Amino acid sequence: MAGCRRDDLNFQNDEVDISLPSVLGKQWHEAVRKVLSIAKPEHRQSLLDELEGQLRNPGKQITNPPGYLHSLRVGLEAGRVQLAYAQSIASQREQNRHAQEAVQEHIKALNANLTTNLPPMTKEEALAQLRQQVQAMRKLP
């Protein structure tokens, strides 16, 4: 895929940063990227978010995530599939991003011995807040 930056969790295609599901095993990453390469750019992150929600669903067993993603893509593009989890996963990812940014801001302020408008937070408190966010994310369906 031309213009792609490859790493463990993200890649860039058509100038849109894509976040692979955190619960997706690394052995599936390349095959999932291939499925996404043929998906409409505006659907890519929603498809990944739906896949993450489905993978987190304890009542569902997905043994072939790329195949499942392909079926989602075909169904979505044909108008036969409604995404059940995509919106809530996207919302949680955005909340986590904001929380991580806030924690990084606190840590930078502490390291620089600066005073900020942010309430004081120690590194331990910042890490505890991050742990809470991760636990909340793990509880998502």
N, C-alpha and C. Protein backbone atom coordinates (compact mmCIF):
# COMPACT_ATOMS: atom_id res chain seq x y z
N MET A 1 0.85 -1.17 0.00
CA MET A 1 0.00 0.00 0.00
C MET A 1 0.89 1.23 0.00
N ALA A 2 0.80 2.02 -1.03
CA ALA A 2 1.65 3.20 -1.15
C ALA A 2 1.27 4.23 -0.10
N GLY A 3 2.28 4.87 0.46
CA GLY A 3 2.05 5.94 1.42
C GLY A 3 1.64 5.48 2.80
N CYS A 4 1.85 4.24 3.12
CA CYS A 4 1.43 3.73 4.42
C CYS A 4 2.57 3.78 5.42
N ARG A 5 2.27 4.20 6.61
CA ARG A 5 3.22 4.10 7.71
C ARG A 5 2.80 2.89 8.51
N ARG A 6 3.68 1.92 8.64
CA ARG A 6 3.32 0.69 9.33
C ARG A 6 3.93 0.65 10.71
N ASP A 7 3.09 0.39 11.69
CA ASP A 7 3.55 0.11 13.04
C ASP A 7 2.55 -0.83 13.68
N ASP A 8 2.66 -1.05 14.98
CA ASP A 8 1.81 -2.05 15.62
C ASP A 8 0.33 -1.70 15.61
N LEU A 9 0.00 -0.43 15.82
CA LEU A 9 -1.40 -0.10 16.00
C LEU A 9 -2.01 0.77 14.92
N ASN A 10 -1.22 1.52 14.20
CA ASN A 10 -1.79 2.49 13.28
C ASN A 10 -1.12 2.40 11.91
N PHE A 11 -1.84 2.82 10.90
CA PHE A 11 -1.22 3.04 9.62
C PHE A 11 -1.96 4.19 8.95
N GLN A 12 -1.30 4.80 8.00
CA GLN A 12 -1.90 5.95 7.35
C GLN A 12 -2.17 5.61 5.90
N ASN A 13 -3.36 5.91 5.44
CA ASN A 13 -3.74 5.66 4.07
C ASN A 13 -4.71 6.76 3.69
N ASP A 14 -4.50 7.37 2.52
CA ASP A 14 -5.32 8.49 2.09
C ASP A 14 -5.33 9.60 3.12
N GLU A 15 -4.22 9.79 3.79
CA GLU A 15 -4.02 10.87 4.77
C GLU A 15 -4.97 10.79 5.96
N VAL A 16 -5.46 9.60 6.25
CA VAL A 16 -6.32 9.39 7.42
C VAL A 16 -5.62 8.40 8.34
N ASP A 17 -5.46 8.77 9.60
CA ASP A 17 -4.80 7.89 10.56
C ASP A 17 -5.82 6.87 11.05
N ILE A 18 -5.49 5.60 10.97
CA ILE A 18 -6.39 4.51 11.33
C ILE A 18 -5.85 3.80 12.56
N SER A 19 -6.74 3.51 13.52
CA SER A 19 -6.36 2.79 14.72
C SER A 19 -6.91 1.38 14.67
N LEU A 20 -6.00 0.40 14.64
CA LEU A 20 -6.42 -0.99 14.67
C LEU A 20 -6.94 -1.34 16.06
N PRO A 21 -7.86 -2.29 16.17
CA PRO A 21 -8.37 -2.69 17.48
C PRO A 21 -7.24 -3.14 18.41
N SER A 22 -7.28 -2.66 19.63
CA SER A 22 -6.25 -3.01 20.61
C SER A 22 -6.32 -4.50 20.97
N VAL A 23 -7.46 -5.12 20.77
CA VAL A 23 -7.63 -6.54 21.12
C VAL A 23 -7.34 -7.47 19.94
N LEU A 24 -6.92 -6.90 18.82
CA LEU A 24 -6.62 -7.70 17.63
C LEU A 24 -5.20 -8.22 17.71
N GLY A 25 -5.03 -9.53 17.63
CA GLY A 25 -3.70 -10.13 17.67
C GLY A 25 -2.83 -9.64 16.51
N LYS A 26 -1.55 -9.48 16.77
CA LYS A 26 -0.62 -8.98 15.75
C LYS A 26 -0.58 -9.86 14.51
N GLN A 27 -0.86 -11.14 14.67
CA GLN A 27 -0.83 -12.04 13.53
C GLN A 27 -1.90 -11.68 12.49
N TRP A 28 -2.90 -10.89 12.87
CA TRP A 28 -3.98 -10.50 11.97
C TRP A 28 -3.77 -9.13 11.34
N HIS A 29 -2.82 -8.35 11.82
CA HIS A 29 -2.68 -6.96 11.39
C HIS A 29 -2.53 -6.80 9.88
N GLU A 30 -1.63 -7.55 9.27
CA GLU A 30 -1.39 -7.38 7.83
C GLU A 30 -2.63 -7.74 7.02
N ALA A 31 -3.29 -8.83 7.36
CA ALA A 31 -4.49 -9.23 6.61
C ALA A 31 -5.62 -8.21 6.80
N VAL A 32 -5.75 -7.65 8.00
CA VAL A 32 -6.76 -6.62 8.23
C VAL A 32 -6.44 -5.37 7.41
N ARG A 33 -5.16 -5.01 7.35
CA ARG A 33 -4.76 -3.85 6.53
C ARG A 33 -5.12 -4.07 5.06
N LYS A 34 -4.96 -5.29 4.57
CA LYS A 34 -5.29 -5.60 3.18
C LYS A 34 -6.79 -5.43 2.94
N VAL A 35 -7.60 -5.90 3.87
CA VAL A 35 -9.06 -5.73 3.73
C VAL A 35 -9.40 -4.24 3.72
N LEU A 36 -8.77 -3.48 4.61
CA LEU A 36 -9.05 -2.04 4.67
C LEU A 36 -8.62 -1.31 3.41
N SER A 37 -7.58 -1.80 2.75
CA SER A 37 -7.08 -1.11 1.57
C SER A 37 -8.11 -1.05 0.46
N ILE A 38 -9.08 -1.97 0.48
CA ILE A 38 -10.12 -1.95 -0.56
C ILE A 38 -11.44 -1.37 -0.04
N ALA A 39 -11.47 -1.00 1.23
CA ALA A 39 -12.67 -0.38 1.80
C ALA A 39 -12.68 1.11 1.45
N LYS A 40 -13.86 1.68 1.40
CA LYS A 40 -13.98 3.12 1.19
C LYS A 40 -13.29 3.83 2.35
N PRO A 41 -12.48 4.85 2.07
CA PRO A 41 -11.76 5.54 3.13
C PRO A 41 -12.65 6.03 4.27
N GLU A 42 -13.84 6.48 3.95
CA GLU A 42 -14.74 7.00 4.99
C GLU A 42 -15.32 5.90 5.88
N HIS A 43 -15.18 4.64 5.47
CA HIS A 43 -15.69 3.52 6.26
C HIS A 43 -14.62 2.83 7.09
N ARG A 44 -13.36 3.08 6.81
CA ARG A 44 -12.28 2.29 7.39
C ARG A 44 -12.28 2.28 8.91
N GLN A 45 -12.28 3.45 9.55
CA GLN A 45 -12.22 3.46 11.01
C GLN A 45 -13.49 2.90 11.62
N SER A 46 -14.64 3.17 11.03
CA SER A 46 -15.89 2.60 11.54
C SER A 46 -15.88 1.08 11.48
N LEU A 47 -15.36 0.53 10.40
CA LEU A 47 -15.25 -0.92 10.29
C LEU A 47 -14.33 -1.49 11.36
N LEU A 48 -13.20 -0.83 11.59
CA LEU A 48 -12.28 -1.28 12.64
C LEU A 48 -12.90 -1.16 14.02
N ASP A 49 -13.64 -0.08 14.25
CA ASP A 49 -14.30 0.09 15.55
C ASP A 49 -15.35 -0.98 15.77
N GLU A 50 -16.09 -1.30 14.72
CA GLU A 50 -17.08 -2.37 14.82
C GLU A 50 -16.40 -3.71 15.10
N LEU A 51 -15.30 -3.96 14.41
CA LEU A 51 -14.55 -5.19 14.65
C LEU A 51 -14.09 -5.25 16.10
N GLU A 52 -13.58 -4.14 16.63
CA GLU A 52 -13.14 -4.14 18.03
C GLU A 52 -14.30 -4.45 18.96
N GLY A 53 -15.44 -3.82 18.75
CA GLY A 53 -16.61 -4.08 19.59
C GLY A 53 -17.03 -5.53 19.52
N GLN A 54 -17.03 -6.09 18.33
CA GLN A 54 -17.42 -7.49 18.16
C GLN A 54 -16.40 -8.43 18.82
N LEU A 55 -15.11 -8.09 18.69
CA LEU A 55 -14.08 -8.92 19.33
C LEU A 55 -14.19 -8.87 20.85
N ARG A 56 -14.64 -7.75 21.39
CA ARG A 56 -14.80 -7.60 22.84
C ARG A 56 -16.08 -8.26 23.36
N ASN A 57 -16.99 -8.57 22.48
CA ASN A 57 -18.27 -9.16 22.86
C ASN A 57 -18.03 -10.60 23.34
N PRO A 58 -18.25 -10.85 24.65
CA PRO A 58 -17.97 -12.19 25.17
C PRO A 58 -18.88 -13.27 24.58
N GLY A 59 -20.00 -12.89 24.03
CA GLY A 59 -20.91 -13.87 23.45
C GLY A 59 -20.62 -14.20 22.00
N LYS A 60 -19.58 -13.59 21.46
CA LYS A 60 -19.27 -13.80 20.05
C LYS A 60 -17.85 -14.34 19.92
N GLN A 61 -17.68 -15.33 19.06
CA GLN A 61 -16.38 -15.93 18.80
C GLN A 61 -16.02 -15.63 17.35
N ILE A 62 -14.99 -14.83 17.14
CA ILE A 62 -14.53 -14.50 15.78
C ILE A 62 -13.18 -15.17 15.59
N THR A 63 -13.14 -16.21 14.78
CA THR A 63 -11.90 -16.96 14.59
C THR A 63 -11.07 -16.42 13.42
N ASN A 64 -11.69 -15.64 12.54
CA ASN A 64 -11.00 -15.09 11.39
C ASN A 64 -11.34 -13.60 11.27
N PRO A 65 -10.68 -12.73 12.05
CA PRO A 65 -11.00 -11.30 12.02
C PRO A 65 -10.94 -10.67 10.63
N PRO A 66 -9.94 -10.98 9.77
CA PRO A 66 -9.95 -10.37 8.44
C PRO A 66 -11.17 -10.79 7.61
N GLY A 67 -11.55 -12.04 7.71
CA GLY A 67 -12.73 -12.51 6.99
C GLY A 67 -14.00 -11.84 7.51
N TYR A 68 -14.08 -11.71 8.83
CA TYR A 68 -15.23 -11.04 9.43
C TYR A 68 -15.28 -9.57 8.98
N LEU A 69 -14.11 -8.92 8.97
CA LEU A 69 -14.03 -7.53 8.54
C LEU A 69 -14.44 -7.40 7.08
N HIS A 70 -14.01 -8.34 6.25
CA HIS A 70 -14.40 -8.33 4.84
C HIS A 70 -15.92 -8.41 4.70
N SER A 71 -16.54 -9.31 5.46
CA SER A 71 -18.00 -9.44 5.41
C SER A 71 -18.69 -8.15 5.87
N LEU A 72 -18.15 -7.54 6.92
CA LEU A 72 -18.69 -6.25 7.38
C LEU A 72 -18.59 -5.21 6.28
N ARG A 73 -17.43 -5.14 5.64
CA ARG A 73 -17.20 -4.15 4.58
C ARG A 73 -18.19 -4.33 3.44
N VAL A 74 -18.34 -5.55 2.97
CA VAL A 74 -19.26 -5.83 1.87
C VAL A 74 -20.69 -5.48 2.27
N GLY A 75 -21.09 -5.89 3.47
CA GLY A 75 -22.45 -5.60 3.93
C GLY A 75 -22.70 -4.13 4.12
N LEU A 76 -21.73 -3.41 4.67
CA LEU A 76 -21.88 -1.97 4.88
C LEU A 76 -21.99 -1.24 3.55
N GLU A 77 -21.11 -1.57 2.63
CA GLU A 77 -21.13 -0.89 1.34
C GLU A 77 -22.37 -1.22 0.52
N ALA A 78 -22.99 -2.37 0.78
CA ALA A 78 -24.23 -2.74 0.09
C ALA A 78 -25.46 -2.23 0.84
N GLY A 79 -25.26 -1.65 2.02
CA GLY A 79 -26.38 -1.15 2.80
C GLY A 79 -27.13 -2.21 3.57
N ARG A 80 -26.55 -3.40 3.72
CA ARG A 80 -27.21 -4.51 4.40
C ARG A 80 -26.80 -4.63 5.87
N VAL A 81 -25.78 -3.90 6.29
CA VAL A 81 -25.24 -4.05 7.64
C VAL A 81 -25.34 -2.73 8.39
N GLN A 82 -25.81 -2.82 9.62
CA GLN A 82 -25.80 -1.68 10.55
C GLN A 82 -24.72 -1.95 11.58
N LEU A 83 -23.85 -1.00 11.82
CA LEU A 83 -22.76 -1.18 12.77
C LEU A 83 -23.28 -0.94 14.19
N ALA A 84 -23.15 -1.95 15.04
CA ALA A 84 -23.70 -1.89 16.39
C ALA A 84 -22.76 -1.24 17.40
N TYR A 85 -21.47 -1.45 17.24
CA TYR A 85 -20.50 -1.00 18.26
C TYR A 85 -19.64 0.17 17.82
N ALA A 86 -19.58 0.48 16.55
CA ALA A 86 -18.61 1.44 16.03
C ALA A 86 -18.66 2.78 16.74
N GLN A 87 -19.85 3.31 16.96
CA GLN A 87 -19.97 4.64 17.56
C GLN A 87 -19.46 4.65 19.01
N SER A 88 -19.81 3.64 19.80
CA SER A 88 -19.38 3.62 21.20
C SER A 88 -17.87 3.39 21.31
N ILE A 89 -17.31 2.57 20.44
CA ILE A 89 -15.86 2.34 20.45
C ILE A 89 -15.13 3.63 20.05
N ALA A 90 -15.62 4.32 19.04
CA ALA A 90 -15.01 5.58 18.62
C ALA A 90 -15.06 6.61 19.74
N SER A 91 -16.18 6.68 20.42
CA SER A 91 -16.33 7.62 21.53
C SER A 91 -15.35 7.30 22.66
N GLN A 92 -15.23 6.03 22.99
CA GLN A 92 -14.30 5.62 24.05
C GLN A 92 -12.86 5.92 23.65
N ARG A 93 -12.51 5.67 22.40
CA ARG A 93 -11.16 5.95 21.93
C ARG A 93 -10.85 7.45 22.04
N GLU A 94 -11.82 8.28 21.71
CA GLU A 94 -11.64 9.73 21.81
C GLU A 94 -11.50 10.17 23.27
N GLN A 95 -12.30 9.59 24.15
CA GLN A 95 -12.17 9.90 25.59
C GLN A 95 -10.80 9.48 26.11
N ASN A 96 -10.33 8.33 25.70
CA ASN A 96 -9.01 7.87 26.12
C ASN A 96 -7.91 8.78 25.59
N ARG A 97 -8.07 9.24 24.35
CA ARG A 97 -7.08 10.15 23.78
C ARG A 97 -7.02 11.44 24.58
N HIS A 98 -8.17 12.00 24.93
CA HIS A 98 -8.21 13.23 25.73
C HIS A 98 -7.60 13.01 27.11
N ALA A 99 -7.90 11.87 27.72
CA ALA A 99 -7.35 11.57 29.04
C ALA A 99 -5.83 11.44 28.97
N GLN A 100 -5.34 10.77 27.94
CA GLN A 100 -3.89 10.61 27.78
C GLN A 100 -3.21 11.97 27.55
N GLU A 101 -3.86 12.82 26.76
CA GLU A 101 -3.31 14.16 26.55
C GLU A 101 -3.25 14.95 27.85
N ALA A 102 -4.30 14.84 28.67
CA ALA A 102 -4.33 15.54 29.96
C ALA A 102 -3.23 15.03 30.88
N VAL A 103 -3.05 13.71 30.91
CA VAL A 103 -2.01 13.12 31.75
C VAL A 103 -0.64 13.58 31.27
N GLN A 104 -0.42 13.58 29.97
CA GLN A 104 0.87 14.04 29.43
C GLN A 104 1.12 15.50 29.78
N GLU A 105 0.09 16.31 29.73
CA GLU A 105 0.21 17.72 30.11
C GLU A 105 0.61 17.86 31.57
N HIS A 106 -0.01 17.07 32.42
CA HIS A 106 0.35 17.09 33.84
C HIS A 106 1.80 16.66 34.06
N ILE A 107 2.20 15.60 33.39
CA ILE A 107 3.56 15.10 33.55
C ILE A 107 4.57 16.13 33.05
N LYS A 108 4.28 16.76 31.90
CA LYS A 108 5.18 17.80 31.39
C LYS A 108 5.30 18.95 32.38
N ALA A 109 4.17 19.35 32.97
CA ALA A 109 4.19 20.45 33.94
C ALA A 109 4.99 20.05 35.17
N LEU A 110 4.79 18.83 35.64
CA LEU A 110 5.55 18.37 36.81
C LEU A 110 7.04 18.32 36.51
N ASN A 111 7.38 17.79 35.35
CA ASN A 111 8.79 17.67 34.99
C ASN A 111 9.46 19.03 34.82
N ALA A 112 8.71 20.00 34.36
CA ALA A 112 9.27 21.32 34.14
C ALA A 112 9.12 22.22 35.38
N ASN A 113 8.51 21.67 36.43
CA ASN A 113 8.24 22.45 37.64
C ASN A 113 7.48 23.74 37.33
N LEU A 114 6.54 23.61 36.42
CA LEU A 114 5.73 24.77 36.04
C LEU A 114 4.42 24.76 36.81
N THR A 115 3.86 25.92 36.99
CA THR A 115 2.51 26.00 37.53
C THR A 115 1.56 26.13 36.35
N THR A 116 0.46 25.42 36.42
CA THR A 116 -0.52 25.45 35.34
C THR A 116 -1.90 25.66 35.94
N ASN A 117 -2.86 25.81 35.09
CA ASN A 117 -4.24 25.92 35.53
C ASN A 117 -4.84 24.55 35.85
N LEU A 118 -4.08 23.50 35.57
CA LEU A 118 -4.57 22.15 35.83
C LEU A 118 -4.45 21.84 37.31
N PRO A 119 -5.39 21.06 37.85
CA PRO A 119 -5.25 20.68 39.25
C PRO A 119 -3.99 19.85 39.43
N PRO A 120 -3.33 19.97 40.59
CA PRO A 120 -2.09 19.21 40.79
C PRO A 120 -2.34 17.71 40.70
N MET A 121 -1.39 17.01 40.08
CA MET A 121 -1.50 15.57 39.93
C MET A 121 -0.08 15.00 39.94
N THR A 122 0.13 14.02 40.78
CA THR A 122 1.43 13.37 40.81
C THR A 122 1.51 12.36 39.67
N LYS A 123 2.70 11.88 39.40
CA LYS A 123 2.84 10.85 38.36
C LYS A 123 2.05 9.62 38.73
N GLU A 124 2.02 9.28 40.02
CA GLU A 124 1.27 8.11 40.46
C GLU A 124 -0.23 8.30 40.20
N GLU A 125 -0.72 9.51 40.49
CA GLU A 125 -2.15 9.79 40.23
C GLU A 125 -2.43 9.74 38.73
N ALA A 126 -1.52 10.25 37.94
CA ALA A 126 -1.69 10.24 36.49
C ALA A 126 -1.74 8.80 35.98
N LEU A 127 -0.83 7.97 36.47
CA LEU A 127 -0.83 6.56 36.06
C LEU A 127 -2.10 5.85 36.52
N ALA A 128 -2.57 6.18 37.73
CA ALA A 128 -3.81 5.59 38.22
C ALA A 128 -4.98 5.97 37.32
N GLN A 129 -4.99 7.23 36.87
CA GLN A 129 -6.06 7.68 35.98
C GLN A 129 -5.99 6.92 34.65
N LEU A 130 -4.79 6.72 34.13
CA LEU A 130 -4.65 5.95 32.90
C LEU A 130 -5.12 4.51 33.09
N ARG A 131 -4.77 3.91 34.23
CA ARG A 131 -5.22 2.53 34.51
C ARG A 131 -6.74 2.46 34.52
N GLN A 132 -7.39 3.46 35.13
CA GLN A 132 -8.86 3.48 35.17
C GLN A 132 -9.42 3.55 33.75
N GLN A 133 -8.80 4.35 32.89
CA GLN A 133 -9.27 4.45 31.52
C GLN A 133 -9.12 3.12 30.79
N VAL A 134 -8.00 2.45 31.00
CA VAL A 134 -7.78 1.15 30.36
C VAL A 134 -8.80 0.13 30.86
N GLN A 135 -9.06 0.12 32.17
CA GLN A 135 -10.05 -0.81 32.72
C GLN A 135 -11.43 -0.51 32.16
N ALA A 136 -11.78 0.76 32.04
CA ALA A 136 -13.08 1.12 31.47
C ALA A 136 -13.16 0.65 30.02
N MET A 137 -12.07 0.77 29.27
CA MET A 137 -12.07 0.35 27.89
C MET A 137 -12.21 -1.16 27.77
N ARG A 138 -11.60 -1.89 28.69
CA ARG A 138 -11.71 -3.36 28.67
C ARG A 138 -13.12 -3.83 28.96
N LYS A 139 -13.92 -3.02 29.66
CA LYS A 139 -15.28 -3.41 30.02
C LYS A 139 -16.25 -3.16 28.88
N LEU A 140 -15.81 -2.47 27.82
CA LEU A 140 -16.70 -2.22 26.69
C LEU A 140 -17.09 -3.54 26.05
N PRO A 141 -18.30 -3.61 25.53
CA PRO A 141 -18.73 -4.85 24.86
C PRO A 141 -17.92 -5.08 23.61
